[in-house]
Structure formats: C-alpha cells, structure tokens
C-alpha cells in the first residue's frame, strides 16, 4: 500500500465517520423535536379536556337522590 492510497483511505474513513455521526446526531435531534411536539400536544389536549370536564360539570344539572 502506497502512501497516497493510505492517505486516501484515512480521508475516506474519516469522512464516513463524520457523515455517520452527522446522521446519528440529526436523527437524535429530530427524535427530540418530535418528542417535544408530542409532549406539547398531549399537554394541550389534557388542558382542553380538563377545561371541558370543568365546563361539563358546571353546566350539568344536579342529580336528585332517589334513595
């Protein structure tokens, strides 16, 4: 193996590692973003459903005890 081919192999290997790290990091960032969006969506949905149940309980007529 000549010096040029060894140097070329080193550069190729380094670039492959950099690209794979970049894809891995990008994937983690996208996953974190999706989890934050999902968490935010769930919190909003819970907030809306809690408020709806409050409104429902306030607007519901009282129940007569038939016992």
PDB file of N, CA and C in Angstrom:
ATOM      1  N   UNK A   1       0.868  -1.164   0.000  1.00  0.00           N
ATOM      2  CA  UNK A   1       0.000   0.000   0.000  1.00  0.00           C
ATOM      3  C   UNK A   1       0.913   1.224   0.000  1.00  0.00           C
ATOM      4  N   UNK A   2       0.675   2.073  -0.942  1.00  0.00           N
ATOM      5  CA  UNK A   2       1.498   3.278  -1.033  1.00  0.00           C
ATOM      6  C   UNK A   2       0.994   4.337  -0.064  1.00  0.00           C
ATOM      7  N   UNK A   3       1.804   5.344   0.094  1.00  0.00           N
ATOM      8  CA  UNK A   3       1.443   6.444   0.992  1.00  0.00           C
ATOM      9  C   UNK A   3       0.176   7.144   0.535  1.00  0.00           C
ATOM     10  N   UNK A   4       0.046   7.347  -0.784  1.00  0.00           N
ATOM     11  CA  UNK A   4      -1.144   8.024  -1.318  1.00  0.00           C
ATOM     12  C   UNK A   4      -2.414   7.227  -1.046  1.00  0.00           C
ATOM     13  N   UNK A   5      -2.367   5.922  -1.245  1.00  0.00           N
ATOM     14  CA  UNK A   5      -3.566   5.121  -1.014  1.00  0.00           C
ATOM     15  C   UNK A   5      -3.889   5.049   0.484  1.00  0.00           C
ATOM     16  N   UNK A   6      -2.865   5.018   1.335  1.00  0.00           N
ATOM     17  CA  UNK A   6      -3.098   5.010   2.783  1.00  0.00           C
ATOM     18  C   UNK A   6      -3.722   6.331   3.223  1.00  0.00           C
ATOM     19  N   UNK A   7      -3.208   7.415   2.663  1.00  0.00           N
ATOM     20  CA  UNK A   7      -3.770   8.728   2.999  1.00  0.00           C
ATOM     21  C   UNK A   7      -5.204   8.839   2.493  1.00  0.00           C
ATOM     22  N   UNK A   8      -5.451   8.362   1.280  1.00  0.00           N
ATOM     23  CA  UNK A   8      -6.802   8.388   0.719  1.00  0.00           C
ATOM     24  C   UNK A   8      -7.745   7.557   1.585  1.00  0.00           C
ATOM     25  N   UNK A   9      -7.304   6.369   2.021  1.00  0.00           N
ATOM     26  CA  UNK A   9      -8.134   5.504   2.858  1.00  0.00           C
ATOM     27  C   UNK A   9      -8.460   6.195   4.189  1.00  0.00           C
ATOM     28  N   UNK A  10      -7.462   6.875   4.767  1.00  0.00           N
ATOM     29  CA  UNK A  10      -7.687   7.591   6.011  1.00  0.00           C
ATOM     30  C   UNK A  10      -8.730   8.692   5.829  1.00  0.00           C
ATOM     31  N   UNK A  11      -8.606   9.449   4.737  1.00  0.00           N
ATOM     32  CA  UNK A  11      -9.562  10.532   4.472  1.00  0.00           C
ATOM     33  C   UNK A  11     -10.958   9.976   4.254  1.00  0.00           C
ATOM     34  N   UNK A  12     -11.068   8.905   3.493  1.00  0.00           N
ATOM     35  CA  UNK A  12     -12.373   8.288   3.228  1.00  0.00           C
ATOM     36  C   UNK A  12     -12.989   7.781   4.531  1.00  0.00           C
ATOM     37  N   UNK A  13     -12.184   7.084   5.330  1.00  0.00           N
ATOM     38  CA  UNK A  13     -12.688   6.548   6.592  1.00  0.00           C
ATOM     39  C   UNK A  13     -13.126   7.674   7.523  1.00  0.00           C
ATOM     40  N   UNK A  14     -12.330   8.733   7.612  1.00  0.00           N
ATOM     41  CA  UNK A  14     -12.682   9.876   8.454  1.00  0.00           C
ATOM     42  C   UNK A  14     -13.992  10.512   7.981  1.00  0.00           C
ATOM     43  N   UNK A  15     -14.143  10.668   6.673  1.00  0.00           N
ATOM     44  CA  UNK A  15     -15.369  11.262   6.147  1.00  0.00           C
ATOM     45  C   UNK A  15     -16.581  10.379   6.400  1.00  0.00           C
ATOM     46  N   UNK A  16     -16.416   9.087   6.296  1.00  0.00           N
ATOM     47  CA  UNK A  16     -17.512   8.159   6.581  1.00  0.00           C
ATOM     48  C   UNK A  16     -17.932   8.297   8.042  1.00  0.00           C
ATOM     49  N   UNK A  17     -16.948   8.367   8.941  1.00  0.00           N
ATOM     50  CA  UNK A  17     -17.267   8.528  10.363  1.00  0.00           C
ATOM     51  C   UNK A  17     -17.967   9.854  10.627  1.00  0.00           C
ATOM     52  N   UNK A  18     -17.494  10.920   9.983  1.00  0.00           N
ATOM     53  CA  UNK A  18     -18.125  12.224  10.169  1.00  0.00           C
ATOM     54  C   UNK A  18     -19.558  12.238   9.659  1.00  0.00           C
ATOM     55  N   UNK A  19     -19.782  11.633   8.510  1.00  0.00           N
ATOM     56  CA  UNK A  19     -21.132  11.591   7.949  1.00  0.00           C
ATOM     57  C   UNK A  19     -22.046  10.735   8.814  1.00  0.00           C
ATOM     58  N   UNK A  20     -21.553   9.583   9.272  1.00  0.00           N
ATOM     59  CA  UNK A  20     -22.405   8.726  10.103  1.00  0.00           C
ATOM     60  C   UNK A  20     -22.726   9.412  11.429  1.00  0.00           C
ATOM     61  N   UNK A  21     -21.741  10.120  12.001  1.00  0.00           N
ATOM     62  CA  UNK A  21     -22.006  10.870  13.233  1.00  0.00           C
ATOM     63  C   UNK A  21     -23.038  11.958  12.969  1.00  0.00           C
ATOM     64  N   UNK A  22     -22.893  12.624  11.840  1.00  0.00           N
ATOM     65  CA  UNK A  22     -23.828  13.698  11.488  1.00  0.00           C
ATOM     66  C   UNK A  22     -25.249  13.150  11.352  1.00  0.00           C
ATOM     67  N   UNK A  23     -25.407  12.014  10.673  1.00  0.00           N
ATOM     68  CA  UNK A  23     -26.736  11.405  10.534  1.00  0.00           C
ATOM     69  C   UNK A  23     -27.290  10.982  11.896  1.00  0.00           C
ATOM     70  N   UNK A  24     -26.414  10.415  12.726  1.00  0.00           N
ATOM     71  CA  UNK A  24     -26.856   9.978  14.054  1.00  0.00           C
ATOM     72  C   UNK A  24     -27.317  11.179  14.880  1.00  0.00           C
ATOM     73  N   UNK A  25     -26.549  12.243  14.855  1.00  0.00           N
ATOM     74  CA  UNK A  25     -26.899  13.447  15.622  1.00  0.00           C
ATOM     75  C   UNK A  25     -28.179  14.074  15.088  1.00  0.00           C
ATOM     76  N   UNK A  26     -28.301  14.150  13.760  1.00  0.00           N
ATOM     77  CA  UNK A  26     -29.511  14.699  13.153  1.00  0.00           C
ATOM     78  C   UNK A  26     -30.725  13.865  13.545  1.00  0.00           C
ATOM     79  N   UNK A  27     -30.578  12.553  13.518  1.00  0.00           N
ATOM     80  CA  UNK A  27     -31.672  11.670  13.918  1.00  0.00           C
ATOM     81  C   UNK A  27     -32.094  11.894  15.348  1.00  0.00           C
ATOM     82  N   UNK A  28     -31.125  12.063  16.241  1.00  0.00           N
ATOM     83  CA  UNK A  28     -31.449  12.306  17.650  1.00  0.00           C
ATOM     84  C   UNK A  28     -32.148  13.648  17.821  1.00  0.00           C
ATOM     85  N   UNK A  29     -31.668  14.655  17.095  1.00  0.00           N
ATOM     86  CA  UNK A  29     -32.309  15.975  17.188  1.00  0.00           C
ATOM     87  C   UNK A  29     -33.744  15.924  16.688  1.00  0.00           C
ATOM     88  N   UNK A  30     -33.962  15.219  15.578  1.00  0.00           N
ATOM     89  CA  UNK A  30     -35.322  15.087  15.050  1.00  0.00           C
ATOM     90  C   UNK A  30     -36.214  14.324  16.026  1.00  0.00           C
ATOM     91  N   UNK A  31     -35.663  13.276  16.623  1.00  0.00           N
ATOM     92  CA  UNK A  31     -36.435  12.496  17.593  1.00  0.00           C
ATOM     93  C   UNK A  31     -36.802  13.360  18.805  1.00  0.00           C
ATOM     94  N   UNK A  32     -35.835  14.141  19.299  1.00  0.00           N
ATOM     95  CA  UNK A  32     -36.110  15.023  20.430  1.00  0.00           C
ATOM     96  C   UNK A  32     -37.179  16.049  20.076  1.00  0.00           C
ATOM     97  N   UNK A  33     -37.099  16.582  18.860  1.00  0.00           N
ATOM     98  CA  UNK A  33     -38.093  17.573  18.428  1.00  0.00           C
ATOM     99  C   UNK A  33     -39.475  16.950  18.363  1.00  0.00           C
ATOM    100  N   UNK A  34     -39.572  15.737  17.823  1.00  0.00           N
ATOM    101  CA  UNK A  34     -40.866  15.051  17.744  1.00  0.00           C
ATOM    102  C   UNK A  34     -41.413  14.755  19.137  1.00  0.00           C
ATOM    103  N   UNK A  35     -40.534  14.356  20.059  1.00  0.00           N
ATOM    104  CA  UNK A  35     -40.983  14.083  21.421  1.00  0.00           C
ATOM    105  C   UNK A  35     -41.485  15.353  22.100  1.00  0.00           C
ATOM    106  N   UNK A  36     -40.796  16.484  21.860  1.00  0.00           N
ATOM    107  CA  UNK A  36     -41.253  17.752  22.435  1.00  0.00           C
ATOM    108  C   UNK A  36     -42.606  18.142  21.856  1.00  0.00           C
ATOM    109  N   UNK A  37     -42.771  17.964  20.528  1.00  0.00           N
ATOM    110  CA  UNK A  37     -44.056  18.293  19.908  1.00  0.00           C
ATOM    111  C   UNK A  37     -45.159  17.408  20.458  1.00  0.00           C
ATOM    112  N   UNK A  38     -44.876  16.123  20.617  1.00  0.00           N
ATOM    113  CA  UNK A  38     -45.861  15.183  21.146  1.00  0.00           C
ATOM    114  C   UNK A  38     -46.221  15.539  22.579  1.00  0.00           C
ATOM    115  N   UNK A  39     -45.220  15.865  23.367  1.00  0.00           N
ATOM    116  CA  UNK A  39     -45.455  16.247  24.756  1.00  0.00           C
ATOM    117  C   UNK A  39     -46.298  17.518  24.836  1.00  0.00           C
ATOM    118  N   UNK A  40     -45.974  18.485  24.005  1.00  0.00           N
ATOM    119  CA  UNK A  40     -46.724  19.739  23.975  1.00  0.00           C
ATOM    120  C   UNK A  40     -48.171  19.482  23.544  1.00  0.00           C
ATOM    121  N   UNK A  41     -48.336  18.632  22.542  1.00  0.00           N
ATOM    122  CA  UNK A  41     -49.678  18.298  22.047  1.00  0.00           C
ATOM    123  C   UNK A  41     -50.494  17.606  23.137  1.00  0.00           C
ATOM    124  N   UNK A  42     -49.858  16.670  23.850  1.00  0.00           N
ATOM    125  CA  UNK A  42     -50.560  15.965  24.927  1.00  0.00           C
ATOM    126  C   UNK A  42     -50.947  16.921  26.047  1.00  0.00           C
ATOM    127  N   UNK A  43     -50.052  17.847  26.373  1.00  0.00           N
ATOM    128  CA  UNK A  43     -50.350  18.816  27.430  1.00  0.00           C
ATOM    129  C   UNK A  43     -51.516  19.704  27.026  1.00  0.00           C
ATOM    130  N   UNK A  44     -51.543  20.126  25.770  1.00  0.00           N
ATOM    131  CA  UNK A  44     -52.654  20.954  25.287  1.00  0.00           C
ATOM    132  C   UNK A  44     -53.949  20.162  25.293  1.00  0.00           C
ATOM    133  N   UNK A  45     -53.884  18.921  24.856  1.00  0.00           N
ATOM    134  CA  UNK A  45     -55.088  18.082  24.832  1.00  0.00           C
ATOM    135  C   UNK A  45     -55.596  17.854  26.250  1.00  0.00           C
ATOM    136  N   UNK A  46     -54.687  17.623  27.195  1.00  0.00           N
ATOM    137  CA  UNK A  46     -55.095  17.431  28.590  1.00  0.00           C
ATOM    138  C   UNK A  46     -55.718  18.707  29.138  1.00  0.00           C
ATOM    139  N   UNK A  47     -55.115  19.836  28.806  1.00  0.00           N
ATOM    140  CA  UNK A  47     -55.621  21.116  29.279  1.00  0.00           C
ATOM    141  C   UNK A  47     -57.031  21.360  28.745  1.00  0.00           C
ATOM    142  N   UNK A  48     -57.243  21.077  27.469  1.00  0.00           N
ATOM    143  CA  UNK A  48     -58.558  21.264  26.860  1.00  0.00           C
ATOM    144  C   UNK A  48     -59.559  20.299  27.471  1.00  0.00           C
ATOM    145  N   UNK A  49     -59.184  19.034  27.634  1.00  0.00           N
ATOM    146  CA  UNK A  49     -60.138  18.057  28.174  1.00  0.00           C
ATOM    147  C   UNK A  49     -60.450  18.368  29.636  1.00  0.00           C
ATOM    148  N   UNK A  50     -59.467  18.849  30.401  1.00  0.00           N
ATOM    149  CA  UNK A  50     -59.732  19.217  31.794  1.00  0.00           C
ATOM    150  C   UNK A  50     -60.699  20.389  31.845  1.00  0.00           C
ATOM    151  N   UNK A  51     -60.510  21.359  30.986  1.00  0.00           N
ATOM    152  CA  UNK A  51     -61.409  22.516  30.950  1.00  0.00           C
ATOM    153  C   UNK A  51     -62.803  22.095  30.490  1.00  0.00           C
ATOM    154  N   UNK A  52     -62.886  21.210  29.495  1.00  0.00           N
ATOM    155  CA  UNK A  52     -64.189  20.731  29.039  1.00  0.00           C
ATOM    156  C   UNK A  52     -64.917  19.996  30.156  1.00  0.00           C
ATOM    157  N   UNK A  53     -64.201  19.190  30.920  1.00  0.00           N
ATOM    158  CA  UNK A  53     -64.865  18.467  32.008  1.00  0.00           C
ATOM    159  C   UNK A  53     -65.311  19.437  33.091  1.00  0.00           C
ATOM    160  N   UNK A  54     -64.544  20.504  33.311  1.00  0.00           N
ATOM    161  CA  UNK A  54     -64.959  21.539  34.256  1.00  0.00           C
ATOM    162  C   UNK A  54     -66.260  22.181  33.790  1.00  0.00           C
ATOM    163  N   UNK A  55     -66.286  22.556  32.521  1.00  0.00           N
ATOM    164  CA  UNK A  55     -67.480  23.194  31.972  1.00  0.00           C
ATOM    165  C   UNK A  55     -68.664  22.246  32.016  1.00  0.00           C
ATOM    166  N   UNK A  56     -68.419  20.975  31.711  1.00  0.00           N
ATOM    167  CA  UNK A  56     -69.487  19.993  31.718  1.00  0.00           C
ATOM    168  C   UNK A  56     -70.050  19.832  33.123  1.00  0.00           C
ATOM    169  N   UNK A  57     -69.180  19.753  34.108  1.00  0.00           N
ATOM    170  CA  UNK A  57     -69.671  19.565  35.471  1.00  0.00           C
ATOM    171  C   UNK A  57     -70.395  20.809  35.981  1.00  0.00           C
ATOM    172  N   UNK A  58     -69.973  21.989  35.500  1.00  0.00           N
ATOM    173  CA  UNK A  58     -70.649  23.223  35.913  1.00  0.00           C
ATOM    174  C   UNK A  58     -72.029  23.354  35.262  1.00  0.00           C
ATOM    175  N   UNK A  59     -72.143  22.884  34.039  1.00  0.00           N
ATOM    176  CA  UNK A  59     -73.410  23.083  33.309  1.00  0.00           C
ATOM    177  C   UNK A  59     -74.388  21.937  33.530  1.00  0.00           C
ATOM    178  N   UNK A  60     -73.936  20.851  34.138  1.00  0.00           N
ATOM    179  CA  UNK A  60     -74.805  19.693  34.355  1.00  0.00           C
ATOM    180  C   UNK A  60     -75.746  19.979  35.523  1.00  0.00           C
ATOM    181  N   UNK A  61     -77.012  19.716  35.351  1.00  0.00           N
ATOM    182  CA  UNK A  61     -77.913  19.923  36.474  1.00  0.00           C
ATOM    183  C   UNK A  61     -77.614  18.935  37.587  1.00  0.00           C
ATOM    184  N   UNK A  62     -77.912  19.332  38.788  1.00  0.00           N
ATOM    185  CA  UNK A  62     -77.635  18.441  39.900  1.00  0.00           C
ATOM    186  C   UNK A  62     -78.559  17.225  39.812  1.00  0.00           C
ATOM    187  N   UNK A  63     -78.048  16.139  40.316  1.00  0.00           N
ATOM    188  CA  UNK A  63     -78.809  14.877  40.273  1.00  0.00           C
ATOM    189  C   UNK A  63     -79.644  14.764  41.552  1.00  0.00           C
ATOM    190  N   UNK A  64     -80.861  14.324  41.390  1.00  0.00           N
ATOM    191  CA  UNK A  64     -81.721  14.102  42.537  1.00  0.00           C
ATOM    192  C   UNK A  64     -81.418  12.742  43.145  1.00  0.00           C
ATOM    193  N   UNK A  65     -81.347  12.697  44.436  1.00  0.00           N
ATOM    194  CA  UNK A  65     -81.109  11.435  45.122  1.00  0.00           C
ATOM    195  C   UNK A  65     -82.439  10.714  45.251  1.00  0.00           C
ATOM    196  N   UNK A  66     -82.550   9.559  44.610  1.00  0.00           N
ATOM    197  CA  UNK A  66     -83.813   8.827  44.605  1.00  0.00           C
ATOM    198  C   UNK A  66     -83.852   7.752  45.689  1.00  0.00           C
ATOM    199  N   UNK A  67     -82.906   7.724  46.565  1.00  0.00           N
ATOM    200  CA  UNK A  67     -82.900   6.708  47.627  1.00  0.00           C
ATOM    201  C   UNK A  67     -83.773   7.081  48.773  1.00  0.00           C
TER     202      UNK A  67
END
